[in-house]
Amino acid sequence: MAVLKQHQKLGLHEKLILHAEKQCSKQKPNLIWFNARMEAVGFYTKMGYQSKGLSFEIKGVGKHIIMFKTISDE
């Protein structure tokens, strides 16, 4: 997921994540995971995600790390 530079810092990332989590919860998963840019780790941590493993390079994009969040039945 990415938000164009001119639309960053407007709360769109958070709205997109919350919407994606809501949609995912309909499928009753127990885990959401993704590759996060290192610059975004703080944002995802605030949203309840945890990092796993070592960082790795995605050619042409930059350093990433796996992030995940356990989903509970609510």
Protein backbone atom coordinates (compact mmCIF):
# COMPACT_ATOMS: atom_id res chain seq x y z
CA MET A 1 0.00 0.00 0.00
CA ALA A 2 1.21 3.47 -0.71
CA VAL A 3 -0.21 6.97 -0.55
CA LEU A 4 1.04 9.64 -2.93
CA LYS A 5 3.38 12.14 -1.30
CA GLN A 6 0.91 15.02 -1.70
CA HIS A 7 -1.76 13.02 0.17
CA GLN A 8 0.44 11.89 3.07
CA LYS A 9 -0.06 13.11 6.65
CA LEU A 10 -3.81 13.48 6.10
CA GLY A 11 -4.84 10.32 7.98
CA LEU A 12 -5.43 8.31 4.79
CA HIS A 13 -2.98 5.54 5.74
CA GLU A 14 -4.83 4.92 8.99
CA LYS A 15 -8.22 4.93 7.27
CA LEU A 16 -6.97 2.47 4.64
CA ILE A 17 -5.53 0.12 7.28
CA LEU A 18 -8.70 0.20 9.39
CA HIS A 19 -10.84 -0.46 6.31
CA ALA A 20 -8.57 -3.34 5.22
CA GLU A 21 -8.70 -4.85 8.72
CA LYS A 22 -12.50 -4.61 8.70
CA GLN A 23 -12.68 -6.32 5.31
CA CYS A 24 -10.20 -9.01 6.39
CA SER A 25 -12.13 -9.70 9.58
CA LYS A 26 -15.13 -10.79 7.48
CA GLN A 27 -12.99 -13.72 6.34
CA LYS A 28 -12.22 -14.62 9.99
CA PRO A 29 -8.41 -14.70 9.71
CA ASN A 30 -6.23 -15.10 12.76
CA LEU A 31 -3.34 -13.07 11.36
CA ILE A 32 -2.64 -10.17 9.01
CA TRP A 33 0.93 -9.74 7.75
CA PHE A 34 2.77 -7.67 5.16
CA ASN A 35 6.17 -6.28 4.17
CA ALA A 36 6.55 -2.77 5.60
CA ARG A 37 9.03 -0.10 4.59
CA MET A 38 11.40 0.58 7.47
CA GLU A 39 10.29 4.23 7.46
CA ALA A 40 6.71 3.10 8.22
CA VAL A 41 7.43 0.74 11.14
CA GLY A 42 6.54 3.36 13.77
CA PHE A 43 3.17 4.01 12.10
CA TYR A 44 2.28 0.32 11.95
CA THR A 45 3.46 -0.23 15.53
CA LYS A 46 1.02 2.48 16.67
CA MET A 47 -1.71 0.56 14.80
CA GLY A 48 -0.95 -2.56 16.86
CA TYR A 49 1.37 -4.40 14.46
CA GLN A 50 4.60 -6.11 15.49
CA SER A 51 7.77 -6.65 13.47
CA LYS A 52 9.24 -10.10 12.85
CA GLY A 53 12.70 -11.13 11.73
CA LEU A 54 15.43 -9.11 10.10
CA SER A 55 15.05 -6.31 7.59
CA PHE A 56 15.56 -7.10 3.91
CA GLU A 57 16.00 -5.14 0.71
CA ILE A 58 13.37 -5.02 -2.03
CA LYS A 59 15.24 -3.94 -5.14
CA GLY A 60 14.20 -0.49 -6.33
CA VAL A 61 11.99 0.09 -3.27
CA GLY A 62 14.23 -0.08 -0.20
CA LYS A 63 14.53 -1.81 3.17
CA HIS A 64 11.50 -3.65 4.52
CA ILE A 65 10.54 -5.84 7.46
CA ILE A 66 7.66 -8.25 8.00
CA MET A 67 4.93 -6.87 10.24
CA PHE A 68 1.95 -8.75 11.63
CA LYS A 69 -1.09 -8.43 13.84
CA THR A 70 -3.05 -11.23 15.47
CA ILE A 71 -6.78 -10.87 14.87
CA SER A 72 -9.16 -11.97 17.61
CA ASP A 73 -12.80 -13.00 17.28
CA GLU A 74 -14.84 -10.02 18.48
